[in-house]
């Protein structure tokens, strides 16, 4: 039986395309995709999932997982790669404690219901941690308030798949994210019935 040491295990596939799967670590895993089209699979613990460049498929599995999307990494390297990435996110479940994290797209955020702004000494930050559909609605509203049209959303046909299209205002690249089962939940959060 695995025991906790307080540190998540970092896992990559070591190549451009491939499968990156969580290991049996009770602290969870950090799954890091590389430059290719990766398939990232979380396990039963609390994982951090980063696609990196390429068109990635992400599954969190059980636990409170964090799906991270960054326009640029901490060293200033373009995380989108080319002019557009299309990532697919399956099993986002805010009720399990899952979160989305968006950062380094050129936006500034303030705390809101379901959105925590991180990354600056004052009340504003360049990273948004989102813990609810209301938080994702606040992310879209705040990003578009400072840079109109920089985040759009639509439904893929009639499938309830949410398509987020995020424009990096620093260089114009696009991050496109498909979230299974997310369109109706986000639409309700953006347009609540009184």
N, C-alpha and C. Protein backbone atom coordinates (compact mmCIF):
# COMPACT_ATOMS: atom_id res chain seq x y z
N UNK A 1 0.84 -1.18 0.00
CA UNK A 1 0.00 0.00 0.00
C UNK A 1 0.88 1.24 0.00
N UNK A 2 0.55 2.17 -0.88
CA UNK A 2 1.31 3.41 -0.98
C UNK A 2 1.01 4.29 0.23
N UNK A 3 2.03 5.01 0.68
CA UNK A 3 1.84 5.92 1.80
C UNK A 3 2.13 7.35 1.35
N UNK A 4 1.55 8.29 2.05
CA UNK A 4 1.70 9.70 1.70
C UNK A 4 3.05 10.23 2.18
N UNK A 5 3.72 10.96 1.29
CA UNK A 5 4.94 11.67 1.69
C UNK A 5 4.76 13.18 1.52
N UNK A 6 3.53 13.61 1.16
CA UNK A 6 3.23 15.02 1.01
C UNK A 6 3.64 15.63 -0.31
N UNK A 7 4.14 14.81 -1.24
CA UNK A 7 4.60 15.32 -2.53
C UNK A 7 3.92 14.55 -3.66
N UNK A 8 3.38 15.28 -4.62
CA UNK A 8 2.79 14.63 -5.79
C UNK A 8 3.90 14.10 -6.71
N UNK A 9 3.64 12.99 -7.37
CA UNK A 9 4.59 12.40 -8.30
C UNK A 9 4.41 13.03 -9.68
N UNK A 10 5.51 13.49 -10.29
CA UNK A 10 5.47 14.09 -11.63
C UNK A 10 5.58 12.97 -12.66
N UNK A 11 4.67 13.01 -13.67
CA UNK A 11 4.64 11.98 -14.70
C UNK A 11 4.57 12.65 -16.07
N UNK A 12 5.47 12.27 -16.99
CA UNK A 12 5.38 12.67 -18.40
C UNK A 12 5.53 11.42 -19.23
N UNK A 13 5.30 11.53 -20.53
CA UNK A 13 5.47 10.36 -21.38
C UNK A 13 6.84 10.32 -22.05
N UNK A 14 7.63 11.37 -21.91
CA UNK A 14 8.98 11.38 -22.44
C UNK A 14 9.06 11.55 -23.95
N UNK A 15 7.93 11.74 -24.62
CA UNK A 15 7.93 11.91 -26.07
C UNK A 15 6.83 12.88 -26.46
N UNK A 16 6.70 13.13 -27.76
CA UNK A 16 5.74 14.12 -28.23
C UNK A 16 4.29 13.72 -28.10
N UNK A 17 3.91 12.54 -28.55
CA UNK A 17 2.53 12.06 -28.48
C UNK A 17 2.52 10.84 -27.56
N UNK A 18 1.44 10.65 -26.84
CA UNK A 18 1.35 9.43 -26.05
C UNK A 18 0.46 9.57 -24.85
N UNK A 19 0.45 8.51 -24.05
CA UNK A 19 -0.39 8.43 -22.86
C UNK A 19 0.43 8.83 -21.64
N UNK A 20 -0.16 9.68 -20.81
CA UNK A 20 0.43 10.05 -19.53
C UNK A 20 -0.60 9.66 -18.48
N UNK A 21 -0.27 8.66 -17.66
CA UNK A 21 -1.23 8.14 -16.68
C UNK A 21 -0.74 8.36 -15.26
N UNK A 22 -1.69 8.61 -14.37
CA UNK A 22 -1.37 8.81 -12.95
C UNK A 22 -0.78 7.54 -12.36
N UNK A 23 0.04 7.71 -11.34
CA UNK A 23 0.60 6.59 -10.60
C UNK A 23 -0.15 6.46 -9.28
N UNK A 24 0.04 5.34 -8.60
CA UNK A 24 -0.67 5.08 -7.34
C UNK A 24 0.02 5.82 -6.19
N UNK A 25 -0.16 7.13 -6.16
CA UNK A 25 0.42 7.97 -5.12
C UNK A 25 -0.73 8.65 -4.39
N UNK A 26 -0.90 8.39 -3.08
CA UNK A 26 -2.02 8.99 -2.36
C UNK A 26 -1.99 10.51 -2.32
N UNK A 27 -0.85 11.12 -2.66
CA UNK A 27 -0.77 12.57 -2.76
C UNK A 27 -1.20 13.07 -4.13
N UNK A 28 -1.43 12.14 -5.07
CA UNK A 28 -1.81 12.49 -6.42
C UNK A 28 -0.60 12.60 -7.33
N UNK A 29 -0.87 12.87 -8.59
CA UNK A 29 0.18 12.98 -9.60
C UNK A 29 0.09 14.33 -10.29
N UNK A 30 1.22 14.78 -10.83
CA UNK A 30 1.25 15.92 -11.73
C UNK A 30 1.49 15.34 -13.11
N UNK A 31 0.46 15.38 -13.95
CA UNK A 31 0.56 14.83 -15.30
C UNK A 31 0.91 15.96 -16.26
N UNK A 32 2.05 15.85 -16.93
CA UNK A 32 2.53 16.91 -17.81
C UNK A 32 2.63 16.39 -19.22
N UNK A 33 1.77 16.91 -20.12
CA UNK A 33 1.90 16.60 -21.53
C UNK A 33 3.05 17.39 -22.11
N UNK A 34 3.60 16.88 -23.20
CA UNK A 34 4.70 17.58 -23.86
C UNK A 34 4.19 18.28 -25.11
N UNK A 35 5.01 18.37 -26.15
CA UNK A 35 4.66 19.16 -27.32
C UNK A 35 3.65 18.50 -28.24
N UNK A 36 3.38 17.23 -28.09
CA UNK A 36 2.48 16.54 -29.01
C UNK A 36 1.05 16.48 -28.53
N UNK A 37 0.30 15.59 -29.17
CA UNK A 37 -1.10 15.36 -28.84
C UNK A 37 -1.17 14.25 -27.80
N UNK A 38 -1.31 14.62 -26.54
CA UNK A 38 -1.22 13.67 -25.44
C UNK A 38 -2.59 13.26 -24.93
N UNK A 39 -2.63 12.07 -24.32
CA UNK A 39 -3.81 11.55 -23.64
C UNK A 39 -3.44 11.48 -22.17
N UNK A 40 -3.97 12.39 -21.35
CA UNK A 40 -3.62 12.48 -19.94
C UNK A 40 -4.75 11.90 -19.10
N UNK A 41 -4.42 10.91 -18.25
CA UNK A 41 -5.43 10.20 -17.47
C UNK A 41 -5.10 10.25 -15.98
N UNK A 42 -5.93 11.00 -15.26
CA UNK A 42 -5.78 11.05 -13.81
C UNK A 42 -6.24 9.75 -13.18
N UNK A 43 -5.93 9.60 -11.90
CA UNK A 43 -6.29 8.39 -11.17
C UNK A 43 -7.32 8.66 -10.10
N UNK A 44 -7.21 7.92 -9.01
CA UNK A 44 -8.22 8.04 -7.96
C UNK A 44 -7.89 9.09 -6.91
N UNK A 45 -6.75 9.73 -7.05
CA UNK A 45 -6.35 10.76 -6.09
C UNK A 45 -6.46 12.15 -6.72
N UNK A 46 -6.05 13.17 -5.98
CA UNK A 46 -6.14 14.57 -6.43
C UNK A 46 -4.96 14.90 -7.34
N UNK A 47 -5.22 14.97 -8.64
CA UNK A 47 -4.16 15.16 -9.63
C UNK A 47 -4.15 16.57 -10.20
N UNK A 48 -2.99 16.98 -10.70
CA UNK A 48 -2.83 18.21 -11.47
C UNK A 48 -2.54 17.78 -12.90
N UNK A 49 -3.32 18.30 -13.86
CA UNK A 49 -3.22 17.85 -15.24
C UNK A 49 -2.92 19.05 -16.13
N UNK A 50 -1.75 19.00 -16.80
CA UNK A 50 -1.29 20.08 -17.69
C UNK A 50 -1.05 19.49 -19.08
N UNK A 51 -1.76 19.97 -20.06
CA UNK A 51 -1.61 19.43 -21.40
C UNK A 51 -0.37 19.89 -22.12
N UNK A 52 0.05 21.13 -21.91
CA UNK A 52 1.16 21.67 -22.69
C UNK A 52 0.73 21.91 -24.12
N UNK A 53 1.69 21.96 -25.04
CA UNK A 53 1.37 22.17 -26.45
C UNK A 53 0.67 20.95 -27.03
N UNK A 54 -0.03 21.15 -28.13
CA UNK A 54 -0.69 20.05 -28.83
C UNK A 54 -2.16 19.94 -28.48
N UNK A 55 -2.85 19.09 -29.22
CA UNK A 55 -4.28 18.84 -29.02
C UNK A 55 -4.41 17.66 -28.07
N UNK A 56 -4.69 17.95 -26.81
CA UNK A 56 -4.64 16.94 -25.76
C UNK A 56 -6.03 16.50 -25.32
N UNK A 57 -6.10 15.26 -24.82
CA UNK A 57 -7.30 14.71 -24.21
C UNK A 57 -7.01 14.54 -22.73
N UNK A 58 -7.90 15.05 -21.87
CA UNK A 58 -7.67 15.03 -20.43
C UNK A 58 -8.84 14.40 -19.69
N UNK A 59 -8.51 13.46 -18.80
CA UNK A 59 -9.50 12.84 -17.92
C UNK A 59 -8.95 12.89 -16.51
N UNK A 60 -9.75 13.38 -15.58
CA UNK A 60 -9.28 13.52 -14.21
C UNK A 60 -9.41 12.26 -13.38
N UNK A 61 -10.43 11.45 -13.64
CA UNK A 61 -10.69 10.31 -12.78
C UNK A 61 -11.30 10.78 -11.47
N UNK A 62 -11.17 9.97 -10.44
CA UNK A 62 -11.69 10.34 -9.12
C UNK A 62 -10.81 11.42 -8.49
N UNK A 63 -11.27 11.95 -7.39
CA UNK A 63 -10.49 12.94 -6.66
C UNK A 63 -10.77 14.35 -7.13
N UNK A 64 -10.20 15.30 -6.41
CA UNK A 64 -10.33 16.72 -6.73
C UNK A 64 -9.16 17.11 -7.62
N UNK A 65 -9.39 17.13 -8.92
CA UNK A 65 -8.32 17.36 -9.89
C UNK A 65 -8.29 18.82 -10.34
N UNK A 66 -7.10 19.29 -10.73
CA UNK A 66 -6.93 20.64 -11.25
C UNK A 66 -6.46 20.51 -12.70
N UNK A 67 -7.25 21.05 -13.63
CA UNK A 67 -6.89 21.08 -15.04
C UNK A 67 -6.32 22.45 -15.34
N UNK A 68 -5.04 22.50 -15.75
CA UNK A 68 -4.35 23.78 -15.92
C UNK A 68 -4.15 24.12 -17.39
N UNK A 69 -4.45 25.38 -17.72
CA UNK A 69 -4.26 25.90 -19.07
C UNK A 69 -3.55 27.23 -18.96
N UNK A 70 -2.39 27.34 -19.62
CA UNK A 70 -1.61 28.57 -19.54
C UNK A 70 -1.21 29.03 -20.93
N UNK A 71 -1.36 30.33 -21.20
CA UNK A 71 -0.91 30.88 -22.47
C UNK A 71 0.60 30.82 -22.60
N UNK A 72 1.29 31.09 -21.49
CA UNK A 72 2.74 30.99 -21.42
C UNK A 72 3.11 30.31 -20.11
N UNK A 73 4.21 29.54 -20.10
CA UNK A 73 4.64 28.95 -18.84
C UNK A 73 5.45 29.99 -18.06
N UNK A 74 5.97 29.59 -16.90
CA UNK A 74 6.65 30.55 -16.02
C UNK A 74 7.93 31.12 -16.63
N UNK A 75 8.52 30.44 -17.63
CA UNK A 75 9.73 30.95 -18.26
C UNK A 75 9.43 31.79 -19.50
N UNK A 76 8.13 32.00 -19.81
CA UNK A 76 7.76 32.80 -20.96
C UNK A 76 7.61 32.00 -22.24
N UNK A 77 7.71 30.66 -22.15
CA UNK A 77 7.56 29.79 -23.32
C UNK A 77 6.09 29.66 -23.69
N UNK A 78 5.77 29.78 -24.98
CA UNK A 78 4.40 29.67 -25.47
C UNK A 78 3.89 28.25 -25.21
N UNK A 79 2.83 28.11 -24.41
CA UNK A 79 2.26 26.81 -24.08
C UNK A 79 1.27 26.33 -25.12
N UNK A 80 0.82 27.23 -26.00
CA UNK A 80 -0.19 26.83 -26.97
C UNK A 80 0.46 26.13 -28.16
N UNK A 81 1.56 26.62 -28.65
CA UNK A 81 2.25 25.97 -29.75
C UNK A 81 1.54 26.21 -31.06
N UNK A 82 2.17 26.95 -31.97
CA UNK A 82 1.49 27.34 -33.19
C UNK A 82 0.49 28.42 -32.87
N UNK A 83 -0.58 28.47 -33.65
CA UNK A 83 -1.57 29.51 -33.41
C UNK A 83 -2.80 28.99 -32.70
N UNK A 84 -2.93 27.67 -32.54
CA UNK A 84 -4.14 27.13 -31.94
C UNK A 84 -3.92 25.73 -31.40
N UNK A 85 -4.47 25.46 -30.22
CA UNK A 85 -4.56 24.12 -29.64
C UNK A 85 -6.03 23.83 -29.42
N UNK A 86 -6.43 22.58 -29.59
CA UNK A 86 -7.78 22.15 -29.22
C UNK A 86 -7.65 21.00 -28.25
N UNK A 87 -8.00 21.25 -26.99
CA UNK A 87 -7.94 20.23 -25.95
C UNK A 87 -9.34 19.76 -25.62
N UNK A 88 -9.46 18.48 -25.24
CA UNK A 88 -10.75 17.91 -24.86
C UNK A 88 -10.68 17.47 -23.41
N UNK A 89 -11.62 17.96 -22.63
CA UNK A 89 -11.65 17.69 -21.20
C UNK A 89 -12.91 16.88 -20.87
N UNK A 90 -12.69 15.67 -20.37
CA UNK A 90 -13.79 14.80 -19.98
C UNK A 90 -13.86 14.75 -18.46
N UNK A 91 -14.98 14.58 -17.92
CA UNK A 91 -15.28 14.35 -16.49
C UNK A 91 -14.94 15.50 -15.55
N UNK A 92 -15.08 16.75 -16.02
CA UNK A 92 -14.96 17.89 -15.10
C UNK A 92 -16.15 17.85 -14.16
N UNK A 93 -15.88 17.76 -12.86
CA UNK A 93 -16.96 17.66 -11.86
C UNK A 93 -16.62 18.57 -10.69
N UNK A 94 -17.17 19.78 -10.72
CA UNK A 94 -16.90 20.74 -9.64
C UNK A 94 -17.38 20.21 -8.29
N UNK A 95 -18.42 19.38 -8.27
CA UNK A 95 -18.94 18.86 -6.99
C UNK A 95 -17.95 17.90 -6.33
N UNK A 96 -17.00 17.33 -7.09
CA UNK A 96 -15.94 16.48 -6.52
C UNK A 96 -14.74 17.31 -6.07
N UNK A 97 -14.78 18.62 -6.31
CA UNK A 97 -13.65 19.47 -5.97
C UNK A 97 -12.74 19.77 -7.14
N UNK A 98 -13.11 19.34 -8.37
CA UNK A 98 -12.31 19.65 -9.54
C UNK A 98 -12.23 21.16 -9.73
N UNK A 99 -11.13 21.61 -10.35
CA UNK A 99 -10.93 23.03 -10.64
C UNK A 99 -10.33 23.20 -12.03
N UNK A 100 -10.56 24.36 -12.59
CA UNK A 100 -9.87 24.80 -13.80
C UNK A 100 -8.92 25.92 -13.38
N UNK A 101 -7.75 25.97 -13.99
CA UNK A 101 -6.82 27.07 -13.73
C UNK A 101 -6.38 27.64 -15.07
N UNK A 102 -6.59 28.94 -15.25
CA UNK A 102 -6.19 29.64 -16.47
C UNK A 102 -5.22 30.74 -16.09
N UNK A 103 -4.13 30.87 -16.83
CA UNK A 103 -3.19 31.93 -16.52
C UNK A 103 -2.32 32.32 -17.70
N UNK A 104 -1.74 33.51 -17.57
CA UNK A 104 -0.77 34.03 -18.53
C UNK A 104 -1.33 34.17 -19.94
N UNK A 105 -2.58 34.60 -20.03
CA UNK A 105 -3.19 34.92 -21.32
C UNK A 105 -3.26 36.43 -21.54
N UNK A 106 -2.79 37.22 -20.58
CA UNK A 106 -2.85 38.67 -20.68
C UNK A 106 -4.07 39.27 -20.00
N UNK A 107 -4.80 38.47 -19.22
CA UNK A 107 -5.97 38.95 -18.50
C UNK A 107 -5.59 39.28 -17.06
N UNK A 108 -6.42 40.07 -16.40
CA UNK A 108 -6.30 40.33 -14.97
C UNK A 108 -7.64 40.01 -14.33
N UNK A 109 -7.59 39.32 -13.18
CA UNK A 109 -8.81 38.87 -12.52
C UNK A 109 -8.90 39.40 -11.10
N UNK A 110 -10.11 39.47 -10.58
CA UNK A 110 -10.36 39.73 -9.17
C UNK A 110 -11.24 38.61 -8.64
N UNK A 111 -11.18 38.38 -7.34
CA UNK A 111 -11.98 37.32 -6.73
C UNK A 111 -13.46 37.52 -7.00
N UNK A 112 -14.15 36.42 -7.23
CA UNK A 112 -15.59 36.43 -7.47
C UNK A 112 -16.12 35.08 -6.99
N UNK A 113 -17.42 34.90 -7.03
CA UNK A 113 -18.03 33.63 -6.62
C UNK A 113 -17.49 32.49 -7.48
N UNK A 114 -16.75 31.56 -6.89
CA UNK A 114 -16.20 30.43 -7.62
C UNK A 114 -14.95 30.73 -8.41
N UNK A 115 -14.39 31.95 -8.28
CA UNK A 115 -13.17 32.34 -8.98
C UNK A 115 -12.22 32.97 -7.98
N UNK A 116 -11.01 32.41 -7.87
CA UNK A 116 -9.99 32.99 -7.01
C UNK A 116 -8.88 33.54 -7.89
N UNK A 117 -8.57 34.82 -7.75
CA UNK A 117 -7.51 35.46 -8.51
C UNK A 117 -6.19 35.25 -7.79
N UNK A 118 -5.16 34.83 -8.54
CA UNK A 118 -3.86 34.53 -7.96
C UNK A 118 -2.78 35.16 -8.84
N UNK A 119 -1.70 35.62 -8.23
CA UNK A 119 -0.57 36.04 -9.04
C UNK A 119 -0.14 37.48 -8.89
N UNK A 120 -0.70 38.21 -7.95
CA UNK A 120 -0.27 39.60 -7.74
C UNK A 120 -0.43 39.95 -6.28
N UNK A 121 0.34 40.93 -5.82
CA UNK A 121 0.30 41.32 -4.41
C UNK A 121 -0.99 42.06 -4.07
N UNK A 122 -1.61 42.70 -5.07
CA UNK A 122 -2.85 43.42 -4.79
C UNK A 122 -4.04 42.49 -5.03
N UNK A 123 -5.21 43.04 -5.19
CA UNK A 123 -6.42 42.23 -5.33
C UNK A 123 -6.56 41.60 -6.71
N UNK A 124 -5.74 42.01 -7.67
CA UNK A 124 -5.84 41.48 -9.02
C UNK A 124 -4.76 40.42 -9.23
N UNK A 125 -5.05 39.48 -10.13
CA UNK A 125 -4.07 38.44 -10.45
C UNK A 125 -4.17 38.06 -11.91
N UNK A 126 -3.12 37.40 -12.42
CA UNK A 126 -3.13 36.99 -13.82
C UNK A 126 -3.50 35.52 -13.98
N UNK A 127 -3.82 34.85 -12.88
CA UNK A 127 -4.26 33.46 -12.92
C UNK A 127 -5.60 33.35 -12.22
N UNK A 128 -6.50 32.59 -12.82
CA UNK A 128 -7.83 32.38 -12.25
C UNK A 128 -8.00 30.90 -11.92
N UNK A 129 -8.30 30.60 -10.66
CA UNK A 129 -8.66 29.24 -10.24
C UNK A 129 -10.17 29.20 -10.13
N UNK A 130 -10.78 28.28 -10.87
CA UNK A 130 -12.23 28.23 -10.99
C UNK A 130 -12.74 26.95 -10.36
N UNK A 131 -13.73 27.10 -9.46
CA UNK A 131 -14.23 25.94 -8.71
C UNK A 131 -15.73 25.71 -8.89
N UNK A 132 -16.35 26.41 -9.84
CA UNK A 132 -17.78 26.23 -10.09
C UNK A 132 -18.13 26.78 -11.47
N UNK A 133 -19.32 26.44 -11.94
CA UNK A 133 -19.78 26.99 -13.22
C UNK A 133 -19.96 28.50 -13.10
N UNK A 134 -20.36 28.99 -11.93
CA UNK A 134 -20.46 30.43 -11.70
C UNK A 134 -19.08 31.09 -11.80
N UNK A 135 -18.06 30.39 -11.32
CA UNK A 135 -16.70 30.90 -11.43
C UNK A 135 -16.23 30.97 -12.87
N UNK A 136 -16.61 29.96 -13.68
CA UNK A 136 -16.26 29.99 -15.10
C UNK A 136 -16.99 31.14 -15.80
N UNK A 137 -18.24 31.37 -15.41
CA UNK A 137 -18.98 32.51 -15.97
C UNK A 137 -18.28 33.82 -15.60
N UNK A 138 -17.80 33.95 -14.36
CA UNK A 138 -17.08 35.16 -13.93
C UNK A 138 -15.78 35.32 -14.71
N UNK A 139 -15.08 34.20 -14.97
CA UNK A 139 -13.85 34.23 -15.77
C UNK A 139 -14.12 34.82 -17.15
N UNK A 140 -15.17 34.33 -17.81
CA UNK A 140 -15.52 34.82 -19.14
C UNK A 140 -15.89 36.30 -19.09
N UNK A 141 -16.70 36.68 -18.11
CA UNK A 141 -17.14 38.07 -17.98
C UNK A 141 -15.97 39.00 -17.73
N UNK A 142 -15.07 38.63 -16.80
CA UNK A 142 -13.93 39.49 -16.47
C UNK A 142 -12.95 39.58 -17.64
N UNK A 143 -12.67 38.46 -18.30
CA UNK A 143 -11.73 38.49 -19.43
C UNK A 143 -12.27 39.38 -20.55
N UNK A 144 -13.56 39.26 -20.83
CA UNK A 144 -14.15 40.06 -21.90
C UNK A 144 -14.33 41.52 -21.51
N UNK A 145 -14.42 41.83 -20.22
CA UNK A 145 -14.52 43.22 -19.78
C UNK A 145 -13.24 43.98 -20.08
N UNK A 146 -12.09 43.31 -19.93
CA UNK A 146 -10.82 43.99 -20.19
C UNK A 146 -10.38 43.84 -21.64
N UNK A 147 -10.79 42.77 -22.31
CA UNK A 147 -10.41 42.51 -23.70
C UNK A 147 -11.62 41.93 -24.43
N UNK A 148 -12.52 42.78 -24.92
CA UNK A 148 -13.78 42.30 -25.50
C UNK A 148 -13.58 41.22 -26.56
N UNK A 149 -14.37 40.15 -26.44
CA UNK A 149 -14.32 39.06 -27.41
C UNK A 149 -13.18 38.10 -27.23
N UNK A 150 -12.40 38.25 -26.16
CA UNK A 150 -11.23 37.38 -25.99
C UNK A 150 -11.58 35.99 -25.51
N UNK A 151 -12.76 35.80 -24.93
CA UNK A 151 -13.23 34.46 -24.55
C UNK A 151 -14.65 34.31 -25.07
N UNK A 152 -14.84 33.32 -25.93
CA UNK A 152 -16.18 33.03 -26.43
C UNK A 152 -16.54 31.60 -26.06
N UNK A 153 -17.83 31.32 -26.05
CA UNK A 153 -18.27 29.96 -25.78
C UNK A 153 -19.41 29.60 -26.70
N UNK A 154 -19.52 28.31 -27.01
CA UNK A 154 -20.59 27.82 -27.86
C UNK A 154 -20.82 26.35 -27.53
N UNK A 155 -21.87 25.80 -28.12
CA UNK A 155 -22.18 24.38 -27.94
C UNK A 155 -21.80 23.64 -29.21
N UNK A 156 -21.23 22.45 -29.05
CA UNK A 156 -20.88 21.61 -30.19
C UNK A 156 -22.14 20.87 -30.63
N UNK A 157 -22.78 21.38 -31.68
CA UNK A 157 -24.04 20.79 -32.15
C UNK A 157 -25.09 20.85 -31.06
N UNK A 158 -25.70 19.70 -30.75
CA UNK A 158 -26.67 19.60 -29.65
C UNK A 158 -26.20 18.58 -28.63
N UNK A 159 -24.89 18.50 -28.43
CA UNK A 159 -24.29 17.45 -27.60
C UNK A 159 -24.05 17.84 -26.16
N UNK A 160 -24.30 19.07 -25.77
CA UNK A 160 -23.99 19.63 -24.45
C UNK A 160 -22.48 19.70 -24.20
N UNK A 161 -21.69 19.65 -25.28
CA UNK A 161 -20.25 19.86 -25.16
C UNK A 161 -19.99 21.36 -25.26
N UNK A 162 -19.36 21.91 -24.23
CA UNK A 162 -19.00 23.32 -24.19
C UNK A 162 -17.71 23.52 -24.98
N UNK A 163 -17.70 24.52 -25.86
CA UNK A 163 -16.48 24.89 -26.57
C UNK A 163 -16.08 26.28 -26.09
N UNK A 164 -14.95 26.36 -25.39
CA UNK A 164 -14.37 27.65 -24.99
C UNK A 164 -13.29 28.00 -25.98
N UNK A 165 -13.27 29.22 -26.46
CA UNK A 165 -12.22 29.71 -27.34
C UNK A 165 -11.61 30.92 -26.65
N UNK A 166 -10.36 30.75 -26.21
CA UNK A 166 -9.67 31.79 -25.44
C UNK A 166 -8.56 32.36 -26.31
N UNK A 167 -8.59 33.66 -26.54
CA UNK A 167 -7.55 34.34 -27.30
C UNK A 167 -6.51 34.89 -26.33
N UNK A 168 -5.26 34.51 -26.54
CA UNK A 168 -4.17 35.05 -25.75
C UNK A 168 -3.92 36.47 -26.24
N UNK A 169 -4.23 37.47 -25.42
CA UNK A 169 -4.12 38.86 -25.86
C UNK A 169 -2.67 39.30 -26.03
N UNK A 170 -1.72 38.51 -25.54
CA UNK A 170 -0.31 38.85 -25.69
C UNK A 170 0.15 38.60 -27.13
N UNK A 171 -0.26 37.45 -27.73
CA UNK A 171 0.23 37.12 -29.06
C UNK A 171 -0.84 36.67 -30.05
N UNK A 172 -2.12 36.64 -29.65
CA UNK A 172 -3.20 36.29 -30.56
C UNK A 172 -3.45 34.80 -30.74
N UNK A 173 -2.67 33.93 -30.09
CA UNK A 173 -2.91 32.49 -30.18
C UNK A 173 -4.27 32.13 -29.59
N UNK A 174 -4.81 30.99 -30.01
CA UNK A 174 -6.10 30.52 -29.50
C UNK A 174 -5.94 29.21 -28.75
N UNK A 175 -6.56 29.13 -27.60
CA UNK A 175 -6.69 27.89 -26.82
C UNK A 175 -8.16 27.51 -26.91
N UNK A 176 -8.45 26.38 -27.53
CA UNK A 176 -9.83 25.91 -27.66
C UNK A 176 -9.98 24.69 -26.77
N UNK A 177 -11.01 24.73 -25.92
CA UNK A 177 -11.21 23.65 -24.95
C UNK A 177 -12.64 23.13 -25.09
N UNK A 178 -12.77 21.83 -25.31
CA UNK A 178 -14.08 21.17 -25.34
C UNK A 178 -14.29 20.53 -23.97
N UNK A 179 -15.40 20.84 -23.31
CA UNK A 179 -15.70 20.28 -21.99
C UNK A 179 -17.01 19.50 -22.10
N UNK A 180 -16.92 18.18 -21.97
CA UNK A 180 -18.09 17.32 -22.07
C UNK A 180 -19.09 17.66 -20.97
N UNK A 181 -20.36 17.81 -21.35
CA UNK A 181 -21.43 18.07 -20.39
C UNK A 181 -21.41 19.46 -19.79
N UNK A 182 -20.70 20.41 -20.40
CA UNK A 182 -20.54 21.71 -19.78
C UNK A 182 -21.37 22.84 -20.33
N UNK A 183 -21.92 22.70 -21.53
CA UNK A 183 -22.60 23.85 -22.13
C UNK A 183 -23.81 24.30 -21.34
N UNK A 184 -24.71 23.39 -21.02
CA UNK A 184 -25.95 23.80 -20.32
C UNK A 184 -25.64 24.34 -18.93
N UNK A 185 -24.64 23.76 -18.24
CA UNK A 185 -24.28 24.25 -16.90
C UNK A 185 -23.73 25.67 -16.96
N UNK A 186 -22.85 25.94 -17.94
CA UNK A 186 -22.31 27.29 -18.07
C UNK A 186 -23.38 28.27 -18.52
N UNK A 187 -24.22 27.87 -19.46
CA UNK A 187 -25.27 28.75 -19.94
C UNK A 187 -26.21 29.15 -18.80
N UNK A 188 -26.52 28.20 -17.92
CA UNK A 188 -27.37 28.50 -16.75
C UNK A 188 -26.67 29.48 -15.82
N UNK A 189 -25.35 29.30 -15.61
CA UNK A 189 -24.60 30.21 -14.73
C UNK A 189 -24.52 31.62 -15.32
N UNK A 190 -24.39 31.73 -16.64
CA UNK A 190 -24.31 33.04 -17.28
C UNK A 190 -25.67 33.72 -17.41
N UNK A 191 -26.72 32.92 -17.48
CA UNK A 191 -28.07 33.45 -17.69
C UNK A 191 -29.04 32.86 -16.66
N UNK A 192 -28.84 33.17 -15.38
CA UNK A 192 -29.70 32.57 -14.34
C UNK A 192 -31.15 33.00 -14.50
N UNK A 193 -32.04 32.07 -14.19
CA UNK A 193 -33.47 32.36 -14.23
C UNK A 193 -33.86 32.98 -12.90
N UNK A 194 -34.52 34.17 -12.93
CA UNK A 194 -34.86 34.83 -11.66
C UNK A 194 -35.91 34.06 -10.88
